[in-house]
Amino acid sequence: MWYRSPSSGDQFCTGGARSGELCGWTVDQSNVNVTYDDGTVVQKITIGTKGTSGGGVIAGDSGGPVYTVRSDGKVAAKGIISGSGSSWGAYKVYFTDIWDAYYGLPGYLVMQ
């Protein structure tokens, strides 16, 4: 797991079941509330953006990993994909901080 909660400027990758691995994301805001197009309100979400090259997170990617590639080449979990969007020529991804999942849900993260 990443050693802290996401903060503005952090770089990260996503791994969606449908979109695959996408890197080049940057955290814009963290710990904010977001209202999805269907009216669902999600709390304490982190918002990341990236340019339009390479595509973005799509329907079916929810629940996938958000992670940072460390300097030693290993990955550290940063969060869990919650949703996506687009704005002003950029893709957006919404994700739950891994620490919120760790403290709020039973179980542990394990390496396999």
PDB file of N, CA and C in Angstrom:
ATOM      1  N   MET A   1       0.842  -1.179   0.000  1.00  0.00           N
ATOM      2  CA  MET A   1       0.000   0.000   0.000  1.00  0.00           C
ATOM      3  C   MET A   1       0.885   1.238   0.000  1.00  0.00           C
ATOM      4  N   TRP A   2       0.410   2.289  -0.657  1.00  0.00           N
ATOM      5  CA  TRP A   2       1.122   3.554  -0.647  1.00  0.00           C
ATOM      6  C   TRP A   2       1.147   4.074   0.777  1.00  0.00           C
ATOM      7  N   TYR A   3       2.186   4.772   1.139  1.00  0.00           N
ATOM      8  CA  TYR A   3       2.415   5.149   2.535  1.00  0.00           C
ATOM      9  C   TYR A   3       1.525   6.275   3.041  1.00  0.00           C
ATOM     10  N   ARG A   4       0.761   6.926   2.157  1.00  0.00           N
ATOM     11  CA  ARG A   4      -0.113   8.028   2.576  1.00  0.00           C
ATOM     12  C   ARG A   4      -1.302   8.123   1.623  1.00  0.00           C
ATOM     13  N   SER A   5      -2.245   8.979   1.989  1.00  0.00           N
ATOM     14  CA  SER A   5      -3.383   9.233   1.110  1.00  0.00           C
ATOM     15  C   SER A   5      -2.934  10.041  -0.105  1.00  0.00           C
ATOM     16  N   PRO A   6      -3.681   9.939  -1.228  1.00  0.00           N
ATOM     17  CA  PRO A   6      -3.315  10.698  -2.423  1.00  0.00           C
ATOM     18  C   PRO A   6      -3.383  12.204  -2.174  1.00  0.00           C
ATOM     19  N   SER A   7      -2.491  12.933  -2.843  1.00  0.00           N
ATOM     20  CA  SER A   7      -2.545  14.394  -2.772  1.00  0.00           C
ATOM     21  C   SER A   7      -2.288  14.978  -4.150  1.00  0.00           C
ATOM     22  N   SER A   8      -2.683  16.216  -4.328  1.00  0.00           N
ATOM     23  CA  SER A   8      -2.601  16.904  -5.606  1.00  0.00           C
ATOM     24  C   SER A   8      -1.205  16.777  -6.214  1.00  0.00           C
ATOM     25  N   GLY A   9      -1.170  16.408  -7.496  1.00  0.00           N
ATOM     26  CA  GLY A   9       0.088  16.269  -8.210  1.00  0.00           C
ATOM     27  C   GLY A   9       0.640  14.859  -8.259  1.00  0.00           C
ATOM     28  N   ASP A  10       0.125  13.942  -7.423  1.00  0.00           N
ATOM     29  CA  ASP A  10       0.590  12.550  -7.450  1.00  0.00           C
ATOM     30  C   ASP A  10       0.332  11.938  -8.831  1.00  0.00           C
ATOM     31  N   GLN A  11       1.274  11.144  -9.300  1.00  0.00           N
ATOM     32  CA  GLN A  11       1.127  10.398 -10.546  1.00  0.00           C
ATOM     33  C   GLN A  11       0.665   8.976 -10.208  1.00  0.00           C
ATOM     34  N   PHE A  12      -0.164   8.387 -11.083  1.00  0.00           N
ATOM     35  CA  PHE A  12      -0.634   7.027 -10.827  1.00  0.00           C
ATOM     36  C   PHE A  12      -1.106   6.348 -12.096  1.00  0.00           C
ATOM     37  N   CYS A  13      -1.354   5.054 -11.990  1.00  0.00           N
ATOM     38  CA  CYS A  13      -1.880   4.232 -13.072  1.00  0.00           C
ATOM     39  C   CYS A  13      -3.183   3.582 -12.608  1.00  0.00           C
ATOM     40  N   THR A  14      -3.979   3.125 -13.575  1.00  0.00           N
ATOM     41  CA  THR A  14      -5.195   2.373 -13.273  1.00  0.00           C
ATOM     42  C   THR A  14      -5.143   1.048 -14.019  1.00  0.00           C
ATOM     43  N   GLY A  15      -5.854   0.060 -13.499  1.00  0.00           N
ATOM     44  CA  GLY A  15      -5.946  -1.247 -14.142  1.00  0.00           C
ATOM     45  C   GLY A  15      -7.391  -1.664 -14.240  1.00  0.00           C
ATOM     46  N   GLY A  16      -8.023  -1.346 -15.342  1.00  0.00           N
ATOM     47  CA  GLY A  16      -9.435  -1.665 -15.516  1.00  0.00           C
ATOM     48  C   GLY A  16      -9.647  -2.982 -16.231  1.00  0.00           C
ATOM     49  N   ALA A  17     -10.709  -3.684 -15.874  1.00  0.00           N
ATOM     50  CA  ALA A  17     -11.040  -4.958 -16.514  1.00  0.00           C
ATOM     51  C   ALA A  17     -11.283  -4.773 -18.011  1.00  0.00           C
ATOM     52  N   ARG A  18     -11.798  -3.624 -18.409  1.00  0.00           N
ATOM     53  CA  ARG A  18     -12.103  -3.382 -19.818  1.00  0.00           C
ATOM     54  C   ARG A  18     -11.067  -2.502 -20.500  1.00  0.00           C
ATOM     55  N   SER A  19     -10.549  -1.500 -19.803  1.00  0.00           N
ATOM     56  CA  SER A  19      -9.612  -0.567 -20.451  1.00  0.00           C
ATOM     57  C   SER A  19      -8.154  -1.003 -20.329  1.00  0.00           C
ATOM     58  N   GLY A  20      -7.875  -1.930 -19.407  1.00  0.00           N
ATOM     59  CA  GLY A  20      -6.503  -2.384 -19.214  1.00  0.00           C
ATOM     60  C   GLY A  20      -5.688  -1.388 -18.398  1.00  0.00           C
ATOM     61  N   GLU A  21      -4.362  -1.490 -18.516  1.00  0.00           N
ATOM     62  CA  GLU A  21      -3.483  -0.597 -17.767  1.00  0.00           C
ATOM     63  C   GLU A  21      -3.396   0.758 -18.456  1.00  0.00           C
ATOM     64  N   LEU A  22      -3.635   1.808 -17.671  1.00  0.00           N
ATOM     65  CA  LEU A  22      -3.527   3.176 -18.174  1.00  0.00           C
ATOM     66  C   LEU A  22      -2.693   3.988 -17.196  1.00  0.00           C
ATOM     67  N   CYS A  23      -1.591   4.525 -17.651  1.00  0.00           N
ATOM     68  CA  CYS A  23      -0.752   5.365 -16.796  1.00  0.00           C
ATOM     69  C   CYS A  23      -0.825   6.805 -17.298  1.00  0.00           C
ATOM     70  N   GLY A  24      -0.186   7.694 -16.574  1.00  0.00           N
ATOM     71  CA  GLY A  24      -0.198   9.102 -16.952  1.00  0.00           C
ATOM     72  C   GLY A  24      -1.262   9.921 -16.252  1.00  0.00           C
ATOM     73  N   TRP A  25      -1.925   9.345 -15.247  1.00  0.00           N
ATOM     74  CA  TRP A  25      -2.928  10.060 -14.462  1.00  0.00           C
ATOM     75  C   TRP A  25      -2.234  10.952 -13.435  1.00  0.00           C
ATOM     76  N   THR A  26      -2.880  12.061 -13.091  1.00  0.00           N
ATOM     77  CA  THR A  26      -2.402  12.967 -12.045  1.00  0.00           C
ATOM     78  C   THR A  26      -3.554  13.298 -11.114  1.00  0.00           C
ATOM     79  N   VAL A  27      -3.314  13.231  -9.800  1.00  0.00           N
ATOM     80  CA  VAL A  27      -4.336  13.592  -8.817  1.00  0.00           C
ATOM     81  C   VAL A  27      -4.571  15.098  -8.881  1.00  0.00           C
ATOM     82  N   ASP A  28      -5.843  15.481  -9.045  1.00  0.00           N
ATOM     83  CA  ASP A  28      -6.229  16.901  -9.034  1.00  0.00           C
ATOM     84  C   ASP A  28      -6.797  17.307  -7.682  1.00  0.00           C
ATOM     85  N   GLN A  29      -7.685  16.476  -7.142  1.00  0.00           N
ATOM     86  CA  GLN A  29      -8.345  16.775  -5.872  1.00  0.00           C
ATOM     87  C   GLN A  29      -8.493  15.478  -5.091  1.00  0.00           C
ATOM     88  N   SER A  30      -8.468  15.602  -3.776  1.00  0.00           N
ATOM     89  CA  SER A  30      -8.713  14.416  -2.954  1.00  0.00           C
ATOM     90  C   SER A  30      -9.681  14.770  -1.828  1.00  0.00           C
ATOM     91  N   ASN A  31     -10.351  13.713  -1.341  1.00  0.00           N
ATOM     92  CA  ASN A  31     -11.290  13.855  -0.236  1.00  0.00           C
ATOM     93  C   ASN A  31     -12.436  14.826  -0.556  1.00  0.00           C
ATOM     94  N   VAL A  32     -13.012  14.666  -1.753  1.00  0.00           N
ATOM     95  CA  VAL A  32     -14.121  15.522  -2.177  1.00  0.00           C
ATOM     96  C   VAL A  32     -15.367  14.665  -2.415  1.00  0.00           C
ATOM     97  N   ASN A  33     -16.522  15.298  -2.461  1.00  0.00           N
ATOM     98  CA  ASN A  33     -17.771  14.629  -2.795  1.00  0.00           C
ATOM     99  C   ASN A  33     -18.072  14.879  -4.268  1.00  0.00           C
ATOM    100  N   VAL A  34     -18.538  13.843  -4.966  1.00  0.00           N
ATOM    101  CA  VAL A  34     -18.821  13.923  -6.397  1.00  0.00           C
ATOM    102  C   VAL A  34     -20.234  13.429  -6.642  1.00  0.00           C
ATOM    103  N   THR A  35     -20.960  14.106  -7.533  1.00  0.00           N
ATOM    104  CA  THR A  35     -22.276  13.650  -7.959  1.00  0.00           C
ATOM    105  C   THR A  35     -22.158  13.122  -9.378  1.00  0.00           C
ATOM    106  N   TYR A  36     -22.448  11.831  -9.559  1.00  0.00           N
ATOM    107  CA  TYR A  36     -22.407  11.229 -10.890  1.00  0.00           C
ATOM    108  C   TYR A  36     -23.609  11.684 -11.702  1.00  0.00           C
ATOM    109  N   ASP A  37     -23.547  11.456 -13.022  1.00  0.00           N
ATOM    110  CA  ASP A  37     -24.618  11.878 -13.928  1.00  0.00           C
ATOM    111  C   ASP A  37     -25.977  11.309 -13.544  1.00  0.00           C
ATOM    112  N   ASP A  38     -26.001  10.116 -12.919  1.00  0.00           N
ATOM    113  CA  ASP A  38     -27.281   9.505 -12.551  1.00  0.00           C
ATOM    114  C   ASP A  38     -27.820  10.017 -11.211  1.00  0.00           C
ATOM    115  N   GLY A  39     -27.101  10.989 -10.588  1.00  0.00           N
ATOM    116  CA  GLY A  39     -27.537  11.575  -9.332  1.00  0.00           C
ATOM    117  C   GLY A  39     -26.919  10.941  -8.095  1.00  0.00           C
ATOM    118  N   THR A  40     -26.185   9.847  -8.260  1.00  0.00           N
ATOM    119  CA  THR A  40     -25.521   9.191  -7.130  1.00  0.00           C
ATOM    120  C   THR A  40     -24.433  10.101  -6.580  1.00  0.00           C
ATOM    121  N   VAL A  41     -24.413  10.275  -5.265  1.00  0.00           N
ATOM    122  CA  VAL A  41     -23.383  11.081  -4.614  1.00  0.00           C
ATOM    123  C   VAL A  41     -22.402  10.138  -3.928  1.00  0.00           C
ATOM    124  N   VAL A  42     -21.127  10.302  -4.237  1.00  0.00           N
ATOM    125  CA  VAL A  42     -20.078   9.519  -3.582  1.00  0.00           C
ATOM    126  C   VAL A  42     -19.229  10.474  -2.760  1.00  0.00           C
ATOM    127  N   GLN A  43     -18.832  10.020  -1.579  1.00  0.00           N
ATOM    128  CA  GLN A  43     -18.108  10.881  -0.646  1.00  0.00           C
ATOM    129  C   GLN A  43     -16.648  10.462  -0.526  1.00  0.00           C
ATOM    130  N   LYS A  44     -15.812  11.435  -0.181  1.00  0.00           N
ATOM    131  CA  LYS A  44     -14.386  11.203   0.075  1.00  0.00           C
ATOM    132  C   LYS A  44     -13.687  10.559  -1.117  1.00  0.00           C
ATOM    133  N   ILE A  45     -13.947  11.064  -2.303  1.00  0.00           N
ATOM    134  CA  ILE A  45     -13.387  10.529  -3.538  1.00  0.00           C
ATOM    135  C   ILE A  45     -12.158  11.348  -3.940  1.00  0.00           C
ATOM    136  N   THR A  46     -11.227  10.686  -4.611  1.00  0.00           N
ATOM    137  CA  THR A  46     -10.085  11.365  -5.220  1.00  0.00           C
ATOM    138  C   THR A  46     -10.354  11.465  -6.711  1.00  0.00           C
ATOM    139  N   ILE A  47     -10.035  12.620  -7.305  1.00  0.00           N
ATOM    140  CA  ILE A  47     -10.235  12.845  -8.735  1.00  0.00           C
ATOM    141  C   ILE A  47      -8.878  12.974  -9.405  1.00  0.00           C
ATOM    142  N   GLY A  48      -8.698  12.190 -10.459  1.00  0.00           N
ATOM    143  CA  GLY A  48      -7.484  12.280 -11.257  1.00  0.00           C
ATOM    144  C   GLY A  48      -7.827  12.562 -12.699  1.00  0.00           C
ATOM    145  N   THR A  49      -6.897  13.185 -13.427  1.00  0.00           N
ATOM    146  CA  THR A  49      -7.121  13.480 -14.840  1.00  0.00           C
ATOM    147  C   THR A  49      -5.899  13.081 -15.657  1.00  0.00           C
ATOM    148  N   LYS A  50      -6.134  12.916 -16.948  1.00  0.00           N
ATOM    149  CA  LYS A  50      -5.055  12.703 -17.910  1.00  0.00           C
ATOM    150  C   LYS A  50      -5.539  13.189 -19.257  1.00  0.00           C
ATOM    151  N   GLY A  51      -4.610  13.463 -20.144  1.00  0.00           N
ATOM    152  CA  GLY A  51      -4.966  13.880 -21.497  1.00  0.00           C
ATOM    153  C   GLY A  51      -5.713  12.781 -22.228  1.00  0.00           C
ATOM    154  N   THR A  52      -6.116  13.070 -23.435  1.00  0.00           N
ATOM    155  CA  THR A  52      -6.956  12.134 -24.178  1.00  0.00           C
ATOM    156  C   THR A  52      -6.170  11.041 -24.898  1.00  0.00           C
ATOM    157  N   SER A  53      -4.844  11.120 -24.933  1.00  0.00           N
ATOM    158  CA  SER A  53      -4.096  10.057 -25.597  1.00  0.00           C
ATOM    159  C   SER A  53      -4.103   8.794 -24.742  1.00  0.00           C
ATOM    160  N   GLY A  54      -4.301   7.660 -25.389  1.00  0.00           N
ATOM    161  CA  GLY A  54      -4.280   6.385 -24.680  1.00  0.00           C
ATOM    162  C   GLY A  54      -5.597   5.976 -24.058  1.00  0.00           C
ATOM    163  N   GLY A  55      -6.603   6.817 -24.110  1.00  0.00           N
ATOM    164  CA  GLY A  55      -7.914   6.464 -23.572  1.00  0.00           C
ATOM    165  C   GLY A  55      -8.032   6.647 -22.080  1.00  0.00           C
ATOM    166  N   GLY A  56      -9.233   6.383 -21.582  1.00  0.00           N
ATOM    167  CA  GLY A  56      -9.521   6.549 -20.166  1.00  0.00           C
ATOM    168  C   GLY A  56     -10.276   5.363 -19.607  1.00  0.00           C
ATOM    169  N   VAL A  57     -10.582   5.436 -18.340  1.00  0.00           N
ATOM    170  CA  VAL A  57     -11.358   4.404 -17.653  1.00  0.00           C
ATOM    171  C   VAL A  57     -12.758   4.384 -18.256  1.00  0.00           C
ATOM    172  N   ILE A  58     -13.312   3.182 -18.438  1.00  0.00           N
ATOM    173  CA  ILE A  58     -14.638   3.041 -19.054  1.00  0.00           C
ATOM    174  C   ILE A  58     -15.537   2.159 -18.188  1.00  0.00           C
ATOM    175  N   ALA A  59     -16.822   2.104 -18.564  1.00  0.00           N
ATOM    176  CA  ALA A  59     -17.787   1.273 -17.831  1.00  0.00           C
ATOM    177  C   ALA A  59     -17.269  -0.152 -17.739  1.00  0.00           C
ATOM    178  N   GLY A  60     -17.349  -0.721 -16.561  1.00  0.00           N
ATOM    179  CA  GLY A  60     -16.853  -2.068 -16.327  1.00  0.00           C
ATOM    180  C   GLY A  60     -15.502  -2.095 -15.630  1.00  0.00           C
ATOM    181  N   ASP A  61     -14.860  -0.929 -15.495  1.00  0.00           N
ATOM    182  CA  ASP A  61     -13.555  -0.845 -14.826  1.00  0.00           C
ATOM    183  C   ASP A  61     -13.676  -0.626 -13.318  1.00  0.00           C
ATOM    184  N   SER A  62     -14.859  -0.282 -12.840  1.00  0.00           N
ATOM    185  CA  SER A  62     -15.042  -0.030 -11.405  1.00  0.00           C
ATOM    186  C   SER A  62     -14.573  -1.215 -10.582  1.00  0.00           C
ATOM    187  N   GLY A  63     -13.912  -0.927  -9.477  1.00  0.00           N
ATOM    188  CA  GLY A  63     -13.373  -1.965  -8.616  1.00  0.00           C
ATOM    189  C   GLY A  63     -11.939  -2.327  -8.945  1.00  0.00           C
ATOM    190  N   GLY A  64     -11.432  -1.812 -10.062  1.00  0.00           N
ATOM    191  CA  GLY A  64     -10.058  -2.094 -10.462  1.00  0.00           C
ATOM    192  C   GLY A  64      -9.050  -1.300  -9.628  1.00  0.00           C
ATOM    193  N   PRO A  65      -7.773  -1.675  -9.713  1.00  0.00           N
ATOM    194  CA  PRO A  65      -6.751  -1.036  -8.895  1.00  0.00           C
ATOM    195  C   PRO A  65      -6.297   0.330  -9.406  1.00  0.00           C
ATOM    196  N   VAL A  66      -5.946   1.167  -8.467  1.00  0.00           N
ATOM    197  CA  VAL A  66      -5.245   2.423  -8.721  1.00  0.00           C
ATOM    198  C   VAL A  66      -3.922   2.262  -7.984  1.00  0.00           C
ATOM    199  N   TYR A  67      -2.810   2.505  -8.669  1.00  0.00           N
ATOM    200  CA  TYR A  67      -1.516   2.215  -8.068  1.00  0.00           C
ATOM    201  C   TYR A  67      -0.432   3.162  -8.576  1.00  0.00           C
ATOM    202  N   THR A  68       0.661   3.191  -7.836  1.00  0.00           N
ATOM    203  CA  THR A  68       1.838   3.959  -8.209  1.00  0.00           C
ATOM    204  C   THR A  68       2.972   2.978  -8.447  1.00  0.00           C
ATOM    205  N   VAL A  69       3.754   3.220  -9.498  1.00  0.00           N
ATOM    206  CA  VAL A  69       4.946   2.422  -9.740  1.00  0.00           C
ATOM    207  C   VAL A  69       6.084   3.084  -8.963  1.00  0.00           C
ATOM    208  N   ARG A  70       6.642   2.336  -8.026  1.00  0.00           N
ATOM    209  CA  ARG A  70       7.705   2.863  -7.174  1.00  0.00           C
ATOM    210  C   ARG A  70       9.038   2.916  -7.927  1.00  0.00           C
ATOM    211  N   SER A  71      10.013   3.588  -7.354  1.00  0.00           N
ATOM    212  CA  SER A  71      11.331   3.727  -7.983  1.00  0.00           C
ATOM    213  C   SER A  71      12.041   2.385  -8.156  1.00  0.00           C
ATOM    214  N   ASP A  72      11.677   1.372  -7.344  1.00  0.00           N
ATOM    215  CA  ASP A  72      12.302   0.047  -7.475  1.00  0.00           C
ATOM    216  C   ASP A  72      11.568  -0.843  -8.479  1.00  0.00           C
ATOM    217  N   GLY A  73      10.556  -0.280  -9.168  1.00  0.00           N
ATOM    218  CA  GLY A  73       9.808  -1.015 -10.179  1.00  0.00           C
ATOM    219  C   GLY A  73       8.607  -1.768  -9.656  1.00  0.00           C
ATOM    220  N   LYS A  74       8.459  -1.865  -8.349  1.00  0.00           N
ATOM    221  CA  LYS A  74       7.297  -2.521  -7.761  1.00  0.00           C
ATOM    222  C   LYS A  74       6.135  -1.531  -7.713  1.00  0.00           C
ATOM    223  N   VAL A  75       4.938  -2.040  -7.474  1.00  0.00           N
ATOM    224  CA  VAL A  75       3.776  -1.169  -7.395  1.00  0.00           C
ATOM    225  C   VAL A  75       3.275  -1.068  -5.958  1.00  0.00           C
ATOM    226  N   ALA A  76       2.608   0.046  -5.676  1.00  0.00           N
ATOM    227  CA  ALA A  76       1.986   0.267  -4.372  1.00  0.00           C
ATOM    228  C   ALA A  76       0.539   0.682  -4.619  1.00  0.00           C
ATOM    229  N   ALA A  77      -0.393  -0.002  -3.953  1.00  0.00           N
ATOM    230  CA  ALA A  77      -1.817   0.290  -4.100  1.00  0.00           C
ATOM    231  C   ALA A  77      -2.131   1.687  -3.587  1.00  0.00           C
ATOM    232  N   LYS A  78      -2.883   2.451  -4.399  1.00  0.00           N
ATOM    233  CA  LYS A  78      -3.289   3.811  -4.022  1.00  0.00           C
ATOM    234  C   LYS A  78      -4.791   3.922  -3.849  1.00  0.00           C
ATOM    235  N   GLY A  79      -5.544   3.041  -4.521  1.00  0.00           N
ATOM    236  CA  GLY A  79      -6.986   3.159  -4.425  1.00  0.00           C
ATOM    237  C   GLY A  79      -7.729   2.142  -5.261  1.00  0.00           C
ATOM    238  N   ILE A  80      -9.044   2.362  -5.365  1.00  0.00           N
ATOM    239  CA  ILE A  80      -9.954   1.479  -6.076  1.00  0.00           C
ATOM    240  C   ILE A  80     -10.826   2.336  -6.986  1.00  0.00           C
ATOM    241  N   ILE A  81     -10.863   1.999  -8.276  1.00  0.00           N
ATOM    242  CA  ILE A  81     -11.635   2.767  -9.249  1.00  0.00           C
ATOM    243  C   ILE A  81     -13.114   2.771  -8.872  1.00  0.00           C
ATOM    244  N   SER A  82     -13.709   3.975  -8.893  1.00  0.00           N
ATOM    245  CA  SER A  82     -15.127   4.119  -8.586  1.00  0.00           C
ATOM    246  C   SER A  82     -15.934   4.539  -9.816  1.00  0.00           C
ATOM    247  N   GLY A  83     -15.370   5.398 -10.654  1.00  0.00           N
ATOM    248  CA  GLY A  83     -16.104   5.885 -11.813  1.00  0.00           C
ATOM    249  C   GLY A  83     -15.212   6.713 -12.706  1.00  0.00           C
ATOM    250  N   SER A  84     -15.825   7.278 -13.754  1.00  0.00           N
ATOM    251  CA  SER A  84     -15.047   8.052 -14.719  1.00  0.00           C
ATOM    252  C   SER A  84     -15.876   9.161 -15.328  1.00  0.00           C
ATOM    253  N   GLY A  85     -15.208  10.000 -16.068  1.00  0.00           N
ATOM    254  CA  GLY A  85     -15.867  11.091 -16.771  1.00  0.00           C
ATOM    255  C   GLY A  85     -14.888  11.757 -17.697  1.00  0.00           C
ATOM    256  N   SER A  86     -15.297  12.878 -18.275  1.00  0.00           N
ATOM    257  CA  SER A  86     -14.400  13.655 -19.123  1.00  0.00           C
ATOM    258  C   SER A  86     -14.772  15.121 -18.981  1.00  0.00           C
ATOM    259  N   SER A  87     -13.800  15.971 -19.235  1.00  0.00           N
ATOM    260  CA  SER A  87     -14.020  17.402 -19.090  1.00  0.00           C
ATOM    261  C   SER A  87     -12.927  18.163 -19.821  1.00  0.00           C
ATOM    262  N   TRP A  88     -13.329  19.089 -20.667  1.00  0.00           N
ATOM    263  CA  TRP A  88     -12.373  19.975 -21.335  1.00  0.00           C
ATOM    264  C   TRP A  88     -11.221  19.228 -21.981  1.00  0.00           C
ATOM    265  N   GLY A  89     -11.520  18.185 -22.734  1.00  0.00           N
ATOM    266  CA  GLY A  89     -10.503  17.460 -23.467  1.00  0.00           C
ATOM    267  C   GLY A  89      -9.610  16.589 -22.616  1.00  0.00           C
ATOM    268  N   ALA A  90     -10.056  16.228 -21.431  1.00  0.00           N
ATOM    269  CA  ALA A  90      -9.265  15.349 -20.561  1.00  0.00           C
ATOM    270  C   ALA A  90     -10.159  14.258 -19.989  1.00  0.00           C
ATOM    271  N   TYR A  91      -9.566  13.103 -19.733  1.00  0.00           N
ATOM    272  CA  TYR A  91     -10.281  12.033 -19.046  1.00  0.00           C
ATOM    273  C   TYR A  91     -10.194  12.255 -17.550  1.00  0.00           C
ATOM    274  N   LYS A  92     -11.234  11.811 -16.846  1.00  0.00           N
ATOM    275  CA  LYS A  92     -11.251  11.855 -15.384  1.00  0.00           C
ATOM    276  C   LYS A  92     -11.470  10.463 -14.845  1.00  0.00           C
ATOM    277  N   VAL A  93     -10.870  10.192 -13.698  1.00  0.00           N
ATOM    278  CA  VAL A  93     -11.146   8.956 -12.977  1.00  0.00           C
ATOM    279  C   VAL A  93     -11.427   9.335 -11.531  1.00  0.00           C
ATOM    280  N   TYR A  94     -12.417   8.680 -10.956  1.00  0.00           N
ATOM    281  CA  TYR A  94     -12.765   8.880  -9.550  1.00  0.00           C
ATOM    282  C   TYR A  94     -12.375   7.603  -8.819  1.00  0.00           C
ATOM    283  N   PHE A  95     -11.675   7.739  -7.691  1.00  0.00           N
ATOM    284  CA  PHE A  95     -11.306   6.539  -6.958  1.00  0.00           C
ATOM    285  C   PHE A  95     -11.336   6.746  -5.457  1.00  0.00           C
ATOM    286  N   THR A  96     -11.524   5.614  -4.758  1.00  0.00           N
ATOM    287  CA  THR A  96     -11.523   5.579  -3.300  1.00  0.00           C
ATOM    288  C   THR A  96     -10.090   5.375  -2.824  1.00  0.00           C
ATOM    289  N   ASP A  97      -9.662   6.184  -1.883  1.00  0.00           N
ATOM    290  CA  ASP A  97      -8.334   6.067  -1.283  1.00  0.00           C
ATOM    291  C   ASP A  97      -8.172   4.684  -0.669  1.00  0.00           C
ATOM    292  N   ILE A  98      -7.042   4.042  -0.908  1.00  0.00           N
ATOM    293  CA  ILE A  98      -6.803   2.696  -0.375  1.00  0.00           C
ATOM    294  C   ILE A  98      -6.882   2.670   1.147  1.00  0.00           C
ATOM    295  N   TRP A  99      -6.519   3.775   1.802  1.00  0.00           N
ATOM    296  CA  TRP A  99      -6.575   3.826   3.265  1.00  0.00           C
ATOM    297  C   TRP A  99      -8.016   3.843   3.767  1.00  0.00           C
ATOM    298  N   ASP A 100      -8.935   4.470   3.020  1.00  0.00           N
ATOM    299  CA  ASP A 100     -10.351   4.427   3.398  1.00  0.00           C
ATOM    300  C   ASP A 100     -10.881   3.006   3.289  1.00  0.00           C
ATOM    301  N   ALA A 101     -10.476   2.295   2.235  1.00  0.00           N
ATOM    302  CA  ALA A 101     -10.894   0.902   2.080  1.00  0.00           C
ATOM    303  C   ALA A 101     -10.281   0.036   3.178  1.00  0.00           C
ATOM    304  N   TYR A 102      -9.011   0.260   3.475  1.00  0.00           N
ATOM    305  CA  TYR A 102      -8.307  -0.531   4.485  1.00  0.00           C
ATOM    306  C   TYR A 102      -8.965  -0.397   5.858  1.00  0.00           C
ATOM    307  N   TYR A 103      -9.274   0.840   6.257  1.00  0.00           N
ATOM    308  CA  TYR A 103      -9.864   1.054   7.578  1.00  0.00           C
ATOM    309  C   TYR A 103     -11.364   0.784   7.609  1.00  0.00           C
ATOM    310  N   GLY A 104     -12.040   0.870   6.454  1.00  0.00           N
ATOM    311  CA  GLY A 104     -13.487   0.749   6.438  1.00  0.00           C
ATOM    312  C   GLY A 104     -14.035  -0.622   6.115  1.00  0.00           C
ATOM    313  N   LEU A 105     -13.179  -1.518   5.620  1.00  0.00           N
ATOM    314  CA  LEU A 105     -13.650  -2.829   5.198  1.00  0.00           C
ATOM    315  C   LEU A 105     -12.844  -3.926   5.898  1.00  0.00           C
ATOM    316  N   PRO A 106     -13.420  -5.088   6.066  1.00  0.00           N
ATOM    317  CA  PRO A 106     -12.669  -6.176   6.699  1.00  0.00           C
ATOM    318  C   PRO A 106     -11.643  -6.769   5.733  1.00  0.00           C
ATOM    319  N   GLY A 107     -10.620  -7.376   6.275  1.00  0.00           N
ATOM    320  CA  GLY A 107      -9.646  -8.077   5.456  1.00  0.00           C
ATOM    321  C   GLY A 107      -8.341  -7.314   5.313  1.00  0.00           C
ATOM    322  N   TYR A 108      -7.463  -7.847   4.476  1.00  0.00           N
ATOM    323  CA  TYR A 108      -6.133  -7.295   4.265  1.00  0.00           C
ATOM    324  C   TYR A 108      -5.783  -7.305   2.788  1.00  0.00           C
ATOM    325  N   LEU A 109      -4.871  -6.457   2.397  1.00  0.00           N
ATOM    326  CA  LEU A 109      -4.271  -6.536   1.069  1.00  0.00           C
ATOM    327  C   LEU A 109      -3.153  -7.552   1.141  1.00  0.00           C
ATOM    328  N   VAL A 110      -3.116  -8.481   0.210  1.00  0.00           N
ATOM    329  CA  VAL A 110      -2.045  -9.469   0.206  1.00  0.00           C
ATOM    330  C   VAL A 110      -1.375  -9.491  -1.154  1.00  0.00           C
ATOM    331  N   MET A 111      -0.101  -9.817  -1.174  1.00  0.00           N
ATOM    332  CA  MET A 111       0.630  -9.986  -2.427  1.00  0.00           C
ATOM    333  C   MET A 111       0.504 -11.428  -2.858  1.00  0.00           C
ATOM    334  N   GLN A 112       0.290 -11.649  -4.135  1.00  0.00           N
ATOM    335  CA  GLN A 112       0.206 -13.016  -4.657  1.00  0.00           C
ATOM    336  C   GLN A 112       1.167 -13.203  -5.793  1.00  0.00           C
TER     337      GLN A 112
END
